[in-house]
Amino acid sequence: LNWAQHLLRAGAEDATALVCLQEGGGPARQITFG
């Protein structure tokens, strides 16, 4: 099997996978599953 395959198979293409923020505020970087 492959672990990474199981992490990337579920989310819809346009669904958010990662919301990235850093200390001090600023805009969030949103990355979809696609």
PDB file of all heavy atoms in Angstrom:
ATOM      1  N   LEU A   1       0.865  -1.187   0.000  1.00  0.00           N
ATOM      2  CA  LEU A   1       0.000   0.000   0.000  1.00  0.00           C
ATOM      3  C   LEU A   1       0.895   1.228   0.000  1.00  0.00           C
ATOM      4  O   LEU A   1       2.125   1.119  -0.025  1.00  0.00           O
ATOM      5  CB  LEU A   1      -0.923   0.017   1.221  1.00  0.00           C
ATOM      6  CG  LEU A   1      -0.339   0.443   2.584  1.00  0.00           C
ATOM      7  CD1 LEU A   1      -1.462   0.703   3.574  1.00  0.00           C
ATOM      8  CD2 LEU A   1       0.635  -0.584   3.136  1.00  0.00           C
ATOM      9  N   ASN A   2       0.275   2.419   0.032  1.00  0.00           N
ATOM     10  CA  ASN A   2       1.036   3.655   0.171  1.00  0.00           C
ATOM     11  C   ASN A   2       0.237   4.615   1.046  1.00  0.00           C
ATOM     12  O   ASN A   2      -0.923   4.920   0.758  1.00  0.00           O
ATOM     13  CB  ASN A   2       1.337   4.298  -1.187  1.00  0.00           C
ATOM     14  CG  ASN A   2       2.325   5.442  -1.071  1.00  0.00           C
ATOM     15  OD1 ASN A   2       1.990   6.515  -0.588  1.00  0.00           O
ATOM     16  ND2 ASN A   2       3.550   5.213  -1.532  1.00  0.00           N
ATOM     17  N   TRP A   3       0.859   5.057   2.129  1.00  0.00           N
ATOM     18  CA  TRP A   3       0.201   5.956   3.087  1.00  0.00           C
ATOM     19  C   TRP A   3      -0.295   7.238   2.421  1.00  0.00           C
ATOM     20  O   TRP A   3      -1.421   7.673   2.648  1.00  0.00           O
ATOM     21  CB  TRP A   3       1.190   6.254   4.214  1.00  0.00           C
ATOM     22  CG  TRP A   3       0.806   7.359   5.152  1.00  0.00           C
ATOM     23  CD1 TRP A   3      -0.092   7.293   6.172  1.00  0.00           C
ATOM     24  CD2 TRP A   3       1.336   8.690   5.164  1.00  0.00           C
ATOM     25  NE1 TRP A   3      -0.151   8.508   6.828  1.00  0.00           N
ATOM     26  CE2 TRP A   3       0.707   9.376   6.225  1.00  0.00           C
ATOM     27  CE3 TRP A   3       2.273   9.375   4.388  1.00  0.00           C
ATOM     28  CZ2 TRP A   3       0.996  10.715   6.528  1.00  0.00           C
ATOM     29  CZ3 TRP A   3       2.570  10.693   4.678  1.00  0.00           C
ATOM     30  CH2 TRP A   3       1.929  11.346   5.733  1.00  0.00           C
ATOM     31  N   ALA A   4       0.546   7.866   1.603  1.00  0.00           N
ATOM     32  CA  ALA A   4       0.181   9.147   0.994  1.00  0.00           C
ATOM     33  C   ALA A   4      -1.058   9.017   0.115  1.00  0.00           C
ATOM     34  O   ALA A   4      -1.872   9.956   0.027  1.00  0.00           O
ATOM     35  CB  ALA A   4       1.358   9.696   0.188  1.00  0.00           C
ATOM     36  N   GLN A   5      -1.220   7.905  -0.557  1.00  0.00           N
ATOM     37  CA  GLN A   5      -2.397   7.699  -1.403  1.00  0.00           C
ATOM     38  C   GLN A   5      -3.673   7.822  -0.585  1.00  0.00           C
ATOM     39  O   GLN A   5      -4.662   8.409  -1.034  1.00  0.00           O
ATOM     40  CB  GLN A   5      -2.318   6.324  -2.065  1.00  0.00           C
ATOM     41  CG  GLN A   5      -3.504   6.013  -2.958  1.00  0.00           C
ATOM     42  CD  GLN A   5      -3.394   4.638  -3.596  1.00  0.00           C
ATOM     43  OE1 GLN A   5      -2.439   3.903  -3.335  1.00  0.00           O
ATOM     44  NE2 GLN A   5      -4.351   4.277  -4.432  1.00  0.00           N
ATOM     45  N   HIS A   6      -3.660   7.313   0.639  1.00  0.00           N
ATOM     46  CA  HIS A   6      -4.860   7.348   1.470  1.00  0.00           C
ATOM     47  C   HIS A   6      -5.142   8.747   2.018  1.00  0.00           C
ATOM     48  O   HIS A   6      -6.283   9.065   2.348  1.00  0.00           O
ATOM     49  CB  HIS A   6      -4.729   6.334   2.609  1.00  0.00           C
ATOM     50  CG  HIS A   6      -4.764   4.917   2.142  1.00  0.00           C
ATOM     51  ND1 HIS A   6      -3.642   4.256   1.687  1.00  0.00           N
ATOM     52  CD2 HIS A   6      -5.787   4.043   2.016  1.00  0.00           C
ATOM     53  CE1 HIS A   6      -3.979   3.030   1.316  1.00  0.00           C
ATOM     54  NE2 HIS A   6      -5.274   2.873   1.512  1.00  0.00           N
ATOM     55  N   LEU A   7      -4.130   9.588   2.107  1.00  0.00           N
ATOM     56  CA  LEU A   7      -4.358  10.951   2.578  1.00  0.00           C
ATOM     57  C   LEU A   7      -4.903  11.860   1.488  1.00  0.00           C
ATOM     58  O   LEU A   7      -5.531  12.883   1.796  1.00  0.00           O
ATOM     59  CB  LEU A   7      -3.056  11.552   3.129  1.00  0.00           C
ATOM     60  CG  LEU A   7      -2.840  11.350   4.638  1.00  0.00           C
ATOM     61  CD1 LEU A   7      -2.524   9.907   4.953  1.00  0.00           C
ATOM     62  CD2 LEU A   7      -1.752  12.271   5.169  1.00  0.00           C
ATOM     63  N   LEU A   8      -4.682  11.503   0.238  1.00  0.00           N
ATOM     64  CA  LEU A   8      -5.037  12.406  -0.854  1.00  0.00           C
ATOM     65  C   LEU A   8      -6.237  11.940  -1.662  1.00  0.00           C
ATOM     66  O   LEU A   8      -6.576  12.561  -2.669  1.00  0.00           O
ATOM     67  CB  LEU A   8      -3.827  12.590  -1.781  1.00  0.00           C
ATOM     68  CG  LEU A   8      -2.651  13.348  -1.154  1.00  0.00           C
ATOM     69  CD1 LEU A   8      -1.461  13.355  -2.089  1.00  0.00           C
ATOM     70  CD2 LEU A   8      -3.054  14.770  -0.800  1.00  0.00           C
ATOM     71  N   ARG A   9      -6.910  10.885  -1.239  1.00  0.00           N
ATOM     72  CA  ARG A   9      -7.988  10.359  -2.071  1.00  0.00           C
ATOM     73  C   ARG A   9      -9.368  10.879  -1.672  1.00  0.00           C
ATOM     74  O   ARG A   9     -10.318  10.753  -2.445  1.00  0.00           O
ATOM     75  CB  ARG A   9      -7.991   8.834  -2.007  1.00  0.00           C
ATOM     76  CG  ARG A   9      -8.459   8.260  -0.686  1.00  0.00           C
ATOM     77  CD  ARG A   9      -8.422   6.747  -0.645  1.00  0.00           C
ATOM     78  NE  ARG A   9      -9.063   6.245   0.566  1.00  0.00           N
ATOM     79  CZ  ARG A   9      -9.181   4.969   0.879  1.00  0.00           C
ATOM     80  NH1 ARG A   9      -8.668   4.049   0.062  1.00  0.00           N
ATOM     81  NH2 ARG A   9      -9.782   4.603   1.991  1.00  0.00           N
ATOM     82  N   ALA A  10      -9.526  11.492  -0.465  1.00  0.00           N
ATOM     83  CA  ALA A  10     -10.876  11.745   0.048  1.00  0.00           C
ATOM     84  C   ALA A  10     -11.440  13.109  -0.322  1.00  0.00           C
ATOM     85  O   ALA A  10     -12.615  13.222  -0.662  1.00  0.00           O
ATOM     86  CB  ALA A  10     -10.887  11.592   1.577  1.00  0.00           C
ATOM     87  N   GLY A  11     -10.664  14.167  -0.226  1.00  0.00           N
ATOM     88  CA  GLY A  11     -11.203  15.514  -0.366  1.00  0.00           C
ATOM     89  C   GLY A  11     -11.615  15.857  -1.786  1.00  0.00           C
ATOM     90  O   GLY A  11     -10.939  15.502  -2.758  1.00  0.00           O
ATOM     91  N   ALA A  12     -12.712  16.577  -1.923  1.00  0.00           N
ATOM     92  CA  ALA A  12     -13.140  17.068  -3.238  1.00  0.00           C
ATOM     93  C   ALA A  12     -12.106  18.057  -3.772  1.00  0.00           C
ATOM     94  O   ALA A  12     -11.402  18.719  -3.011  1.00  0.00           O
ATOM     95  CB  ALA A  12     -14.505  17.741  -3.122  1.00  0.00           C
ATOM     96  N   GLU A  13     -12.040  18.170  -5.098  1.00  0.00           N
ATOM     97  CA  GLU A  13     -11.012  19.009  -5.720  1.00  0.00           C
ATOM     98  C   GLU A  13     -11.014  20.430  -5.182  1.00  0.00           C
ATOM     99  O   GLU A  13      -9.968  21.020  -4.937  1.00  0.00           O
ATOM    100  CB  GLU A  13     -11.210  19.034  -7.245  1.00  0.00           C
ATOM    101  CG  GLU A  13     -10.702  17.799  -7.959  1.00  0.00           C
ATOM    102  CD  GLU A  13      -9.184  17.734  -8.002  1.00  0.00           C
ATOM    103  OE1 GLU A  13      -8.558  18.590  -8.660  1.00  0.00           O
ATOM    104  OE2 GLU A  13      -8.614  16.822  -7.365  1.00  0.00           O
ATOM    105  N   ASP A  14     -12.216  21.014  -4.986  1.00  0.00           N
ATOM    106  CA  ASP A  14     -12.286  22.412  -4.563  1.00  0.00           C
ATOM    107  C   ASP A  14     -12.453  22.560  -3.055  1.00  0.00           C
ATOM    108  O   ASP A  14     -12.637  23.668  -2.555  1.00  0.00           O
ATOM    109  CB  ASP A  14     -13.429  23.126  -5.282  1.00  0.00           C
ATOM    110  CG  ASP A  14     -14.789  22.477  -5.026  1.00  0.00           C
ATOM    111  OD1 ASP A  14     -14.823  21.382  -4.427  1.00  0.00           O
ATOM    112  OD2 ASP A  14     -15.809  23.056  -5.432  1.00  0.00           O
ATOM    113  N   ALA A  15     -12.387  21.468  -2.310  1.00  0.00           N
ATOM    114  CA  ALA A  15     -12.499  21.536  -0.848  1.00  0.00           C
ATOM    115  C   ALA A  15     -11.159  21.945  -0.250  1.00  0.00           C
ATOM    116  O   ALA A  15     -10.095  21.604  -0.757  1.00  0.00           O
ATOM    117  CB  ALA A  15     -12.928  20.183  -0.283  1.00  0.00           C
ATOM    118  N   THR A  16     -11.206  22.686   0.838  1.00  0.00           N
ATOM    119  CA  THR A  16      -9.986  23.165   1.479  1.00  0.00           C
ATOM    120  C   THR A  16      -9.272  22.024   2.176  1.00  0.00           C
ATOM    121  O   THR A  16      -9.869  21.283   2.958  1.00  0.00           O
ATOM    122  CB  THR A  16     -10.303  24.275   2.496  1.00  0.00           C
ATOM    123  OG1 THR A  16     -10.938  25.363   1.819  1.00  0.00           O
ATOM    124  CG2 THR A  16      -9.043  24.770   3.184  1.00  0.00           C
ATOM    125  N   ALA A  17      -7.971  21.896   1.899  1.00  0.00           N
ATOM    126  CA  ALA A  17      -7.140  20.887   2.557  1.00  0.00           C
ATOM    127  C   ALA A  17      -6.273  21.516   3.636  1.00  0.00           C
ATOM    128  O   ALA A  17      -6.139  20.968   4.729  1.00  0.00           O
ATOM    129  CB  ALA A  17      -6.264  20.173   1.537  1.00  0.00           C
ATOM    130  N   LEU A  18      -5.674  22.668   3.347  1.00  0.00           N
ATOM    131  CA  LEU A  18      -4.756  23.326   4.276  1.00  0.00           C
ATOM    132  C   LEU A  18      -5.143  24.787   4.442  1.00  0.00           C
ATOM    133  O   LEU A  18      -5.435  25.479   3.469  1.00  0.00           O
ATOM    134  CB  LEU A  18      -3.308  23.259   3.765  1.00  0.00           C
ATOM    135  CG  LEU A  18      -2.748  21.890   3.361  1.00  0.00           C
ATOM    136  CD1 LEU A  18      -1.337  22.040   2.813  1.00  0.00           C
ATOM    137  CD2 LEU A  18      -2.780  20.924   4.524  1.00  0.00           C
ATOM    138  N   VAL A  19      -5.152  25.251   5.688  1.00  0.00           N
ATOM    139  CA  VAL A  19      -5.312  26.669   6.014  1.00  0.00           C
ATOM    140  C   VAL A  19      -4.047  27.067   6.757  1.00  0.00           C
ATOM    141  O   VAL A  19      -3.793  26.579   7.859  1.00  0.00           O
ATOM    142  CB  VAL A  19      -6.551  26.925   6.882  1.00  0.00           C
ATOM    143  CG1 VAL A  19      -6.711  28.418   7.151  1.00  0.00           C
ATOM    144  CG2 VAL A  19      -7.800  26.363   6.228  1.00  0.00           C
ATOM    145  N   CYS A  20      -3.247  27.940   6.160  1.00  0.00           N
ATOM    146  CA  CYS A  20      -1.911  28.229   6.690  1.00  0.00           C
ATOM    147  C   CYS A  20      -1.846  29.669   7.200  1.00  0.00           C
ATOM    148  O   CYS A  20      -2.135  30.618   6.460  1.00  0.00           O
ATOM    149  CB  CYS A  20      -0.857  28.034   5.604  1.00  0.00           C
ATOM    150  SG  CYS A  20      -1.006  26.468   4.700  1.00  0.00           S
ATOM    151  N   LEU A  21      -1.453  29.825   8.468  1.00  0.00           N
ATOM    152  CA  LEU A  21      -1.321  31.136   9.076  1.00  0.00           C
ATOM    153  C   LEU A  21       0.010  31.214   9.813  1.00  0.00           C
ATOM    154  O   LEU A  21       0.604  30.197  10.151  1.00  0.00           O
ATOM    155  CB  LEU A  21      -2.446  31.410  10.082  1.00  0.00           C
ATOM    156  CG  LEU A  21      -3.889  31.288   9.625  1.00  0.00           C
ATOM    157  CD1 LEU A  21      -4.422  29.897   9.931  1.00  0.00           C
ATOM    158  CD2 LEU A  21      -4.758  32.330  10.309  1.00  0.00           C
ATOM    159  N   GLN A  22       0.436  32.445  10.053  1.00  0.00           N
ATOM    160  CA  GLN A  22       1.654  32.621  10.815  1.00  0.00           C
ATOM    161  C   GLN A  22       1.444  33.675  11.890  1.00  0.00           C
ATOM    162  O   GLN A  22       0.510  34.468  11.843  1.00  0.00           O
ATOM    163  CB  GLN A  22       2.820  33.027   9.914  1.00  0.00           C
ATOM    164  CG  GLN A  22       2.689  34.401   9.282  1.00  0.00           C
ATOM    165  CD  GLN A  22       3.739  34.633   8.214  1.00  0.00           C
ATOM    166  OE1 GLN A  22       3.974  33.775   7.360  1.00  0.00           O
ATOM    167  NE2 GLN A  22       4.375  35.797   8.261  1.00  0.00           N
ATOM    168  N   GLU A  23       2.311  33.640  12.868  1.00  0.00           N
ATOM    169  CA  GLU A  23       2.253  34.579  13.969  1.00  0.00           C
ATOM    170  C   GLU A  23       2.233  36.016  13.450  1.00  0.00           C
ATOM    171  O   GLU A  23       2.941  36.359  12.514  1.00  0.00           O
ATOM    172  CB  GLU A  23       3.476  34.358  14.869  1.00  0.00           C
ATOM    173  CG  GLU A  23       3.554  35.249  16.079  1.00  0.00           C
ATOM    174  CD  GLU A  23       4.857  35.050  16.830  1.00  0.00           C
ATOM    175  OE1 GLU A  23       5.045  33.960  17.397  1.00  0.00           O
ATOM    176  OE2 GLU A  23       5.673  35.975  16.822  1.00  0.00           O
ATOM    177  N   GLY A  24       1.411  36.833  14.082  1.00  0.00           N
ATOM    178  CA  GLY A  24       1.334  38.233  13.688  1.00  0.00           C
ATOM    179  C   GLY A  24       0.181  38.553  12.774  1.00  0.00           C
ATOM    180  O   GLY A  24       0.014  39.699  12.346  1.00  0.00           O
ATOM    181  N   GLY A  25      -0.624  37.539  12.433  1.00  0.00           N
ATOM    182  CA  GLY A  25      -1.785  37.799  11.580  1.00  0.00           C
ATOM    183  C   GLY A  25      -1.425  37.752  10.106  1.00  0.00           C
ATOM    184  O   GLY A  25      -0.556  37.001   9.681  1.00  0.00           O
ATOM    185  N   GLY A  26      -2.100  38.557   9.324  1.00  0.00           N
ATOM    186  CA  GLY A  26      -1.916  38.513   7.885  1.00  0.00           C
ATOM    187  C   GLY A  26      -2.881  37.544   7.250  1.00  0.00           C
ATOM    188  O   GLY A  26      -3.524  36.742   7.938  1.00  0.00           O
ATOM    189  N   PRO A  27      -2.998  37.590   5.938  1.00  0.00           N
ATOM    190  CA  PRO A  27      -3.963  36.721   5.257  1.00  0.00           C
ATOM    191  C   PRO A  27      -3.578  35.249   5.365  1.00  0.00           C
ATOM    192  O   PRO A  27      -2.397  34.891   5.358  1.00  0.00           O
ATOM    193  CB  PRO A  27      -3.911  37.203   3.808  1.00  0.00           C
ATOM    194  CG  PRO A  27      -2.561  37.845   3.661  1.00  0.00           C
ATOM    195  CD  PRO A  27      -2.249  38.448   4.993  1.00  0.00           C
ATOM    196  N   ALA A  28      -4.593  34.416   5.458  1.00  0.00           N
ATOM    197  CA  ALA A  28      -4.359  32.968   5.480  1.00  0.00           C
ATOM    198  C   ALA A  28      -4.138  32.466   4.063  1.00  0.00           C
ATOM    199  O   ALA A  28      -4.725  32.977   3.103  1.00  0.00           O
ATOM    200  CB  ALA A  28      -5.544  32.251   6.113  1.00  0.00           C
ATOM    201  N   ARG A  29      -3.292  31.478   3.925  1.00  0.00           N
ATOM    202  CA  ARG A  29      -3.077  30.815   2.646  1.00  0.00           C
ATOM    203  C   ARG A  29      -3.934  29.551   2.640  1.00  0.00           C
ATOM    204  O   ARG A  29      -3.717  28.660   3.459  1.00  0.00           O
ATOM    205  CB  ARG A  29      -1.598  30.465   2.448  1.00  0.00           C
ATOM    206  CG  ARG A  29      -0.671  31.650   2.568  1.00  0.00           C
ATOM    207  CD  ARG A  29       0.799  31.286   2.317  1.00  0.00           C
ATOM    208  NE  ARG A  29       1.317  30.286   3.237  1.00  0.00           N
ATOM    209  CZ  ARG A  29       1.747  30.553   4.466  1.00  0.00           C
ATOM    210  NH1 ARG A  29       1.683  31.787   4.935  1.00  0.00           N
ATOM    211  NH2 ARG A  29       2.236  29.594   5.238  1.00  0.00           N
ATOM    212  N   GLN A  30      -4.888  29.473   1.751  1.00  0.00           N
ATOM    213  CA  GLN A  30      -5.768  28.310   1.682  1.00  0.00           C
ATOM    214  C   GLN A  30      -5.417  27.486   0.446  1.00  0.00           C
ATOM    215  O   GLN A  30      -5.283  28.027  -0.662  1.00  0.00           O
ATOM    216  CB  GLN A  30      -7.234  28.742   1.636  1.00  0.00           C
ATOM    217  CG  GLN A  30      -7.665  29.469   2.898  1.00  0.00           C
ATOM    218  CD  GLN A  30      -9.140  29.304   3.203  1.00  0.00           C
ATOM    219  OE1 GLN A  30      -9.772  28.335   2.770  1.00  0.00           O
ATOM    220  NE2 GLN A  30      -9.690  30.226   3.967  1.00  0.00           N
ATOM    221  N   ILE A  31      -5.250  26.201   0.659  1.00  0.00           N
ATOM    222  CA  ILE A  31      -4.863  25.284  -0.415  1.00  0.00           C
ATOM    223  C   ILE A  31      -5.927  24.203  -0.509  1.00  0.00           C
ATOM    224  O   ILE A  31      -6.230  23.526   0.473  1.00  0.00           O
ATOM    225  CB  ILE A  31      -3.480  24.672  -0.127  1.00  0.00           C
ATOM    226  CG1 ILE A  31      -2.412  25.780  -0.073  1.00  0.00           C
ATOM    227  CG2 ILE A  31      -3.112  23.630  -1.164  1.00  0.00           C
ATOM    228  CD1 ILE A  31      -1.049  25.294   0.368  1.00  0.00           C
ATOM    229  N   THR A  32      -6.496  24.046  -1.678  1.00  0.00           N
ATOM    230  CA  THR A  32      -7.532  23.033  -1.879  1.00  0.00           C
ATOM    231  C   THR A  32      -6.899  21.654  -2.033  1.00  0.00           C
ATOM    232  O   THR A  32      -5.692  21.513  -2.254  1.00  0.00           O
ATOM    233  CB  THR A  32      -8.355  23.336  -3.125  1.00  0.00           C
ATOM    234  OG1 THR A  32      -7.484  23.240  -4.277  1.00  0.00           O
ATOM    235  CG2 THR A  32      -8.990  24.716  -3.062  1.00  0.00           C
ATOM    236  N   PHE A  33      -7.734  20.633  -1.930  1.00  0.00           N
ATOM    237  CA  PHE A  33      -7.241  19.278  -2.167  1.00  0.00           C
ATOM    238  C   PHE A  33      -6.716  19.140  -3.597  1.00  0.00           C
ATOM    239  O   PHE A  33      -5.730  18.435  -3.838  1.00  0.00           O
ATOM    240  CB  PHE A  33      -8.341  18.253  -1.896  1.00  0.00           C
ATOM    241  CG  PHE A  33      -8.401  17.798  -0.466  1.00  0.00           C
ATOM    242  CD1 PHE A  33      -9.265  18.409   0.433  1.00  0.00           C
ATOM    243  CD2 PHE A  33      -7.590  16.775  -0.011  1.00  0.00           C
ATOM    244  CE1 PHE A  33      -9.329  17.995   1.761  1.00  0.00           C
ATOM    245  CE2 PHE A  33      -7.634  16.351   1.313  1.00  0.00           C
ATOM    246  CZ  PHE A  33      -8.507  16.963   2.201  1.00  0.00           C
ATOM    247  N   GLY A  34      -7.354  19.808  -4.531  1.00  0.00           N
ATOM    248  CA  GLY A  34      -6.880  19.746  -5.909  1.00  0.00           C
ATOM    249  C   GLY A  34      -5.483  20.316  -6.050  1.00  0.00           C
ATOM    250  O   GLY A  34      -4.603  19.713  -6.698  1.00  0.00           O
TER     251      GLY A  34
END
